[in-house]
Amino acid sequence: MLRPFTLYRPSTLSEAGALLREHREDATLYAGGTELLLLMKEGLVRPHVLVDVKHVAGLGEVVAADGAIRIGATASHRTVERSAAVQAHCPLVAGVARHVANARVRAAGTVGGNLAFADPHSDLATLFLVFEARIDLRGPDGEREVPLDAFVLGPYETARRGDEILSAVRLRSWPVGAAGAYLKFGLYERPTLGVAAVLVPDAEGRRVSEARLAIGCIGPRPQRLRALEHHLRGAPLEELAAGRADVASAEIDRIDAVTDLHGSADYKLEMAQVFTRRALRVAAARAAHHVIDARYPYTVVV
């Protein structure tokens, strides 16, 4: 049962910011409410004031500009999935948005709410790392931009200050010729692990000139696999597409995995190695213009 609260529905970011400053720790931002309402019903969160930002002008827009995609904080997963700009510049993001949680969550849940909640089992927080995402925050001192890997500090903890509003996330478009994949596995609504991989072929289309990899859901926060990215530079795409087995072990073993209801830390690390190799296999096959094996879907394995 929900405890009584006061609901405000500002129409501008300035109005929303003023409400946060006025009510301070008593105020909680509200958008899709897919996570917040569950916590309120369980009595884990008891806000006295809800600031509904769904009606703030411009926060739901998705636009492409200057080699990047800007996704407004209140854009729903369904909006991202159907966005022509996302499909044109970041088609993998549209594909993953189609597989977030369930239909109800995709229709109501927002991108900004997902990132601000910092659930360690977030698909978007993992995927957006390979797009070198940056978070736009609006506060009383103006706007600031924070890289996603510095924004998510840990489970349900971010760098957003209490008087700031997450207004958008910016994704950098991939270089021409790049190919990628996002693979996840899970027995519950939230994934047990997710792996995002992007490979950029060289001028001859035979070797990797740049790699971006991220893994999430197995530890406190998603992270880039930068040592593995460096190791993959110059690797033959044909070998990766064939399932080269020696590319992931050393880097995966250094990941901070945790034991929870999704499995033990050792189990997650073993699964991470398997799915990292599969993600690289799919990305390499796509970069080399192979026909994708039906066992490895275009974007997501569930």
Protein backbone atom coordinates (compact mmCIF):
# COMPACT_ATOMS: atom_id res chain seq x y z
CA MET A 1 0.00 0.00 0.00
CA LEU A 2 1.35 3.41 -0.98
CA ARG A 3 1.96 5.99 1.71
CA PRO A 4 0.50 9.51 1.11
CA PHE A 5 2.66 11.88 -0.98
CA THR A 6 2.39 15.17 -2.83
CA LEU A 7 2.67 15.04 -6.62
CA TYR A 8 4.04 17.91 -8.71
CA ARG A 9 4.02 18.00 -12.52
CA PRO A 10 6.38 20.73 -13.73
CA SER A 11 6.48 21.66 -17.42
CA THR A 12 10.08 22.94 -17.55
CA LEU A 13 13.45 21.82 -16.21
CA SER A 14 13.71 25.06 -14.26
CA GLU A 15 10.45 24.34 -12.44
CA ALA A 16 11.53 20.76 -11.69
CA GLY A 17 14.89 21.97 -10.38
CA ALA A 18 13.20 24.53 -8.15
CA LEU A 19 11.03 21.80 -6.62
CA LEU A 20 14.10 19.66 -5.88
CA ARG A 21 15.82 22.59 -4.19
CA GLU A 22 12.72 23.46 -2.20
CA HIS A 23 11.95 19.98 -0.89
CA ARG A 24 15.52 18.61 -0.86
CA GLU A 25 15.73 15.04 0.51
CA ASP A 26 11.92 14.78 0.68
CA ALA A 27 11.65 14.97 -3.12
CA THR A 28 12.05 12.10 -5.59
CA LEU A 29 12.04 12.37 -9.37
CA TYR A 30 9.42 10.29 -11.15
CA ALA A 31 9.20 9.35 -14.84
CA GLY A 32 8.07 5.88 -15.91
CA GLY A 33 7.89 4.62 -12.33
CA THR A 34 8.57 0.99 -13.26
CA GLU A 35 11.19 0.69 -10.50
CA LEU A 36 10.13 3.44 -8.10
CA LEU A 37 6.53 2.33 -7.66
CA LEU A 38 7.62 -1.22 -6.82
CA LEU A 39 9.91 0.11 -4.09
CA MET A 40 7.17 2.37 -2.75
CA LYS A 41 4.66 -0.48 -2.61
CA GLU A 42 7.16 -2.56 -0.62
CA GLY A 43 7.76 0.33 1.76
CA LEU A 44 11.47 0.46 0.88
CA VAL A 45 11.16 4.05 -0.37
CA ARG A 46 8.76 6.55 1.20
CA PRO A 47 9.02 9.89 -0.60
CA HIS A 48 6.91 12.77 0.69
CA VAL A 49 7.10 14.56 -2.67
CA LEU A 50 7.13 13.13 -6.20
CA VAL A 51 8.28 15.37 -9.04
CA ASP A 52 6.81 13.96 -12.27
CA VAL A 53 9.10 15.00 -15.16
CA LYS A 54 7.20 13.22 -17.95
CA HIS A 55 5.60 16.51 -19.03
CA VAL A 56 8.82 18.55 -19.13
CA ALA A 57 9.20 19.93 -22.66
CA GLY A 58 11.97 18.32 -24.72
CA LEU A 59 12.86 15.53 -22.29
CA GLY A 60 11.22 12.86 -24.45
CA GLU A 61 12.92 13.74 -27.74
CA VAL A 62 15.35 11.52 -29.64
CA VAL A 63 17.49 13.39 -32.19
CA ALA A 64 20.63 12.85 -34.26
CA ALA A 65 23.17 15.66 -34.51
CA ASP A 66 26.94 16.10 -34.90
CA GLY A 67 27.70 12.38 -35.16
CA ALA A 68 25.77 11.51 -32.01
CA ILE A 69 22.30 10.43 -30.90
CA ARG A 70 20.73 12.42 -28.07
CA ILE A 71 18.08 10.43 -26.18
CA GLY A 72 15.97 12.50 -23.82
CA ALA A 73 15.60 11.20 -20.28
CA THR A 74 11.85 10.53 -20.50
CA ALA A 75 12.01 8.71 -23.85
CA SER A 76 10.56 5.24 -23.31
CA HIS A 77 12.24 2.03 -24.43
CA ARG A 78 9.46 1.66 -27.01
CA THR A 79 10.21 5.15 -28.34
CA VAL A 80 13.90 4.27 -28.69
CA GLU A 81 13.03 1.00 -30.43
CA ARG A 82 10.86 2.81 -33.00
CA SER A 83 13.01 5.91 -33.46
CA ALA A 84 14.07 6.44 -37.07
CA ALA A 85 17.20 8.28 -35.87
CA VAL A 86 18.25 5.39 -33.63
CA GLN A 87 17.53 2.80 -36.32
CA ALA A 88 19.64 4.77 -38.82
CA HIS A 89 22.63 5.61 -36.61
CA CYS A 90 22.60 3.05 -33.78
CA PRO A 91 20.48 0.09 -34.98
CA LEU A 92 21.85 -2.18 -32.26
CA VAL A 93 20.34 0.13 -29.62
CA ALA A 94 16.92 -0.20 -31.26
CA GLY A 95 17.32 -3.98 -31.31
CA VAL A 96 18.23 -4.18 -27.63
CA ALA A 97 15.42 -1.80 -26.64
CA ARG A 98 13.04 -4.33 -28.20
CA HIS A 99 14.20 -6.94 -25.67
CA VAL A 100 14.28 -4.91 -22.45
CA ALA A 101 12.24 -6.58 -19.68
CA ASN A 102 8.63 -7.00 -20.88
CA ALA A 103 6.09 -5.10 -22.99
CA ARG A 104 4.68 -3.15 -20.03
CA VAL A 105 8.10 -1.98 -18.92
CA ARG A 106 9.12 -1.04 -22.47
CA ALA A 107 6.00 1.09 -22.89
CA ALA A 108 6.28 2.89 -19.54
CA GLY A 109 9.95 2.67 -18.54
CA THR A 110 12.28 5.50 -19.55
CA VAL A 111 15.90 5.55 -20.60
CA GLY A 112 16.77 8.23 -18.05
CA GLY A 113 15.02 6.36 -15.25
CA ASN A 114 16.84 3.17 -16.15
CA LEU A 115 20.25 4.85 -16.01
CA ALA A 116 19.49 6.94 -12.91
CA PHE A 117 18.23 3.90 -10.98
CA ALA A 118 21.58 2.16 -11.67
CA ASP A 119 20.25 -1.38 -11.40
CA PRO A 120 23.36 -3.56 -11.85
CA HIS A 121 21.31 -5.76 -14.21
CA SER A 122 20.60 -2.97 -16.71
CA ASP A 123 20.95 -3.81 -20.40
CA LEU A 124 21.25 -0.17 -21.43
CA ALA A 125 24.03 0.75 -19.02
CA THR A 126 26.15 -2.07 -20.46
CA LEU A 127 25.28 -1.46 -24.11
CA PHE A 128 25.74 2.31 -23.94
CA LEU A 129 29.35 1.92 -22.79
CA VAL A 130 30.40 0.77 -26.28
CA PHE A 131 28.74 3.90 -27.68
CA GLU A 132 30.89 5.96 -25.29
CA ALA A 133 27.75 7.42 -23.72
CA ARG A 134 27.76 10.69 -21.86
CA ILE A 135 25.11 11.78 -19.36
CA ASP A 136 23.69 15.33 -19.39
CA LEU A 137 22.85 16.64 -15.91
CA ARG A 138 21.04 19.89 -15.16
CA GLY A 139 21.42 21.54 -11.73
CA PRO A 140 21.35 24.93 -10.03
CA ASP A 141 24.90 25.64 -11.19
CA GLY A 142 24.07 24.89 -14.83
CA GLU A 143 24.68 21.84 -16.98
CA ARG A 144 27.43 19.27 -16.75
CA GLU A 145 28.31 16.21 -18.80
CA VAL A 146 29.53 12.98 -17.20
CA PRO A 147 30.84 9.87 -19.01
CA LEU A 148 28.59 6.90 -18.32
CA ASP A 149 31.43 4.85 -16.83
CA ALA A 150 31.93 7.64 -14.27
CA PHE A 151 28.20 8.19 -13.74
CA VAL A 152 27.32 4.69 -12.51
CA LEU A 153 29.26 4.29 -9.26
CA GLY A 154 27.78 1.01 -8.04
CA PRO A 155 24.49 -0.77 -7.39
CA TYR A 156 21.76 1.90 -7.26
CA GLU A 157 24.37 4.64 -6.86
CA THR A 158 25.24 7.35 -9.39
CA ALA A 159 27.17 10.61 -9.60
CA ARG A 160 23.93 12.61 -9.87
CA ARG A 161 23.58 15.11 -7.05
CA GLY A 162 20.28 15.45 -5.23
CA ASP A 163 19.54 18.82 -6.83
CA GLU A 164 20.35 17.64 -10.38
CA ILE A 165 18.11 16.21 -13.09
CA LEU A 166 19.31 13.71 -15.68
CA SER A 167 18.14 15.37 -18.90
CA ALA A 168 19.60 13.16 -21.66
CA VAL A 169 22.17 10.58 -22.70
CA ARG A 170 24.35 11.08 -25.76
CA LEU A 171 25.65 8.15 -27.81
CA ARG A 172 28.51 8.48 -30.26
CA SER A 173 27.75 6.88 -33.62
CA TRP A 174 30.05 4.05 -34.68
CA PRO A 175 32.72 4.57 -37.35
CA VAL A 176 31.80 3.57 -40.91
CA GLY A 177 32.06 -0.20 -41.39
CA ALA A 178 31.78 -1.04 -37.69
CA ALA A 179 29.68 -4.02 -36.63
CA GLY A 180 28.48 -5.10 -33.24
CA ALA A 181 26.38 -7.42 -31.14
CA TYR A 182 24.76 -7.47 -27.72
CA LEU A 183 24.23 -10.87 -26.15
CA LYS A 184 22.55 -11.58 -22.86
CA PHE A 185 21.49 -14.55 -20.82
CA GLY A 186 19.08 -14.87 -17.95
CA LEU A 187 16.44 -17.04 -16.33
CA TYR A 188 14.66 -14.07 -14.74
CA GLU A 189 13.26 -10.81 -16.06
CA ARG A 190 16.59 -9.10 -15.41
CA PRO A 191 19.57 -10.61 -17.24
CA THR A 192 22.25 -12.66 -15.51
CA LEU A 193 24.88 -11.18 -17.80
CA GLY A 194 25.11 -8.97 -20.86
CA VAL A 195 28.00 -8.51 -23.29
CA ALA A 196 28.30 -5.75 -25.88
CA ALA A 197 30.95 -5.91 -28.62
CA VAL A 198 31.87 -3.57 -31.45
CA LEU A 199 34.58 -4.25 -34.02
CA VAL A 200 35.85 -1.75 -36.60
CA PRO A 201 37.62 -3.40 -39.56
CA ASP A 202 40.76 -1.98 -41.12
CA ALA A 203 40.89 -0.50 -44.63
CA GLU A 204 41.27 -3.98 -46.17
CA GLY A 205 38.39 -5.37 -44.14
CA ARG A 206 40.50 -8.22 -42.78
CA ARG A 207 41.67 -7.21 -39.33
CA VAL A 208 40.36 -5.33 -36.32
CA SER A 209 41.47 -1.70 -36.23
CA GLU A 210 39.41 -0.79 -33.16
CA ALA A 211 37.39 -2.78 -30.62
CA ARG A 212 34.96 -1.79 -27.90
CA LEU A 213 33.68 -4.31 -25.38
CA ALA A 214 31.59 -4.00 -22.25
CA ILE A 215 30.16 -6.51 -19.81
CA GLY A 216 27.48 -6.02 -17.21
CA CYS A 217 25.02 -7.69 -14.85
CA ILE A 218 27.63 -9.95 -13.26
CA GLY A 219 29.15 -7.36 -10.93
CA PRO A 220 28.35 -4.12 -9.09
CA ARG A 221 28.48 -2.03 -12.28
CA PRO A 222 29.05 -2.49 -16.00
CA GLN A 223 32.57 -2.01 -17.25
CA ARG A 224 34.62 -1.71 -20.40
CA LEU A 225 37.08 -4.51 -21.11
CA ARG A 226 39.86 -2.17 -22.18
CA ALA A 227 42.75 -4.63 -21.94
CA LEU A 228 40.88 -7.04 -24.20
CA GLU A 229 40.05 -4.20 -26.58
CA HIS A 230 43.77 -3.46 -26.88
CA HIS A 231 44.56 -7.16 -27.32
CA LEU A 232 42.08 -7.46 -30.20
CA ARG A 233 43.64 -4.74 -32.34
CA GLY A 234 45.11 -6.37 -35.40
CA ALA A 235 43.32 -9.68 -34.84
CA PRO A 236 42.09 -11.37 -38.05
CA LEU A 237 38.31 -11.07 -38.38
CA GLU A 238 38.14 -14.55 -39.89
CA GLU A 239 39.67 -16.10 -36.75
CA LEU A 240 37.24 -14.26 -34.48
CA ALA A 241 34.30 -15.19 -36.69
CA ALA A 242 35.40 -18.83 -36.45
CA GLY A 243 35.19 -18.69 -32.65
CA ARG A 244 38.79 -18.11 -31.61
CA ALA A 245 38.94 -19.41 -28.04
CA ASP A 246 41.93 -17.62 -26.53
CA VAL A 247 40.73 -14.04 -26.54
CA ALA A 248 38.78 -13.57 -23.33
CA SER A 249 40.09 -15.62 -20.43
CA ALA A 250 42.70 -13.35 -18.82
CA GLU A 251 40.56 -10.20 -18.95
CA ILE A 252 37.35 -11.87 -17.75
CA ASP A 253 39.13 -13.37 -14.73
CA ARG A 254 39.84 -9.83 -13.45
CA ILE A 255 36.17 -8.78 -13.41
CA ASP A 256 34.58 -8.15 -10.02
CA ALA A 257 31.71 -10.67 -10.14
CA VAL A 258 29.28 -11.12 -7.26
CA THR A 259 27.22 -14.06 -6.05
CA ASP A 260 23.47 -13.45 -5.96
CA LEU A 261 20.20 -15.17 -6.90
CA HIS A 262 21.36 -15.23 -10.52
CA GLY A 263 24.30 -17.51 -9.71
CA SER A 264 27.70 -17.75 -8.05
CA ALA A 265 30.56 -15.46 -9.00
CA ASP A 266 32.50 -18.40 -10.51
CA TYR A 267 29.49 -19.41 -12.60
CA LYS A 268 29.08 -15.87 -13.90
CA LEU A 269 32.74 -15.59 -14.84
CA GLU A 270 32.56 -18.86 -16.76
CA MET A 271 29.42 -17.69 -18.57
CA ALA A 272 31.06 -14.33 -19.26
CA GLN A 273 33.90 -16.02 -21.14
CA VAL A 274 31.45 -18.05 -23.23
CA PHE A 275 29.27 -15.07 -24.12
CA THR A 276 32.19 -12.74 -24.80
CA ARG A 277 33.53 -15.20 -27.37
CA ARG A 278 30.05 -15.51 -28.90
CA ALA A 279 29.59 -11.74 -29.05
CA LEU A 280 32.95 -11.34 -30.76
CA ARG A 281 32.06 -14.16 -33.14
CA VAL A 282 28.84 -12.43 -34.21
CA ALA A 283 30.43 -8.97 -34.45
CA ALA A 284 33.37 -10.30 -36.47
CA ALA A 285 31.09 -12.25 -38.82
CA ARG A 286 29.02 -9.14 -39.42
CA ALA A 287 32.14 -6.99 -39.93
CA ALA A 288 33.40 -9.53 -42.47
CA HIS A 289 29.95 -9.59 -44.14
CA HIS A 290 29.29 -13.25 -43.39
CA VAL A 291 25.83 -14.73 -43.15
CA ILE A 292 25.06 -14.94 -39.44
CA ASP A 293 24.59 -18.43 -38.05
CA ALA A 294 20.96 -18.85 -36.97
CA ARG A 295 22.16 -20.01 -33.54
CA TYR A 296 23.55 -16.52 -32.95
CA PRO A 297 20.78 -13.96 -33.51
CA TYR A 298 21.41 -10.53 -35.00
CA THR A 299 21.45 -8.61 -31.75
CA VAL A 300 20.34 -10.47 -28.64
CA VAL A 301 20.49 -13.98 -27.23
CA VAL A 302 18.13 -14.58 -24.32
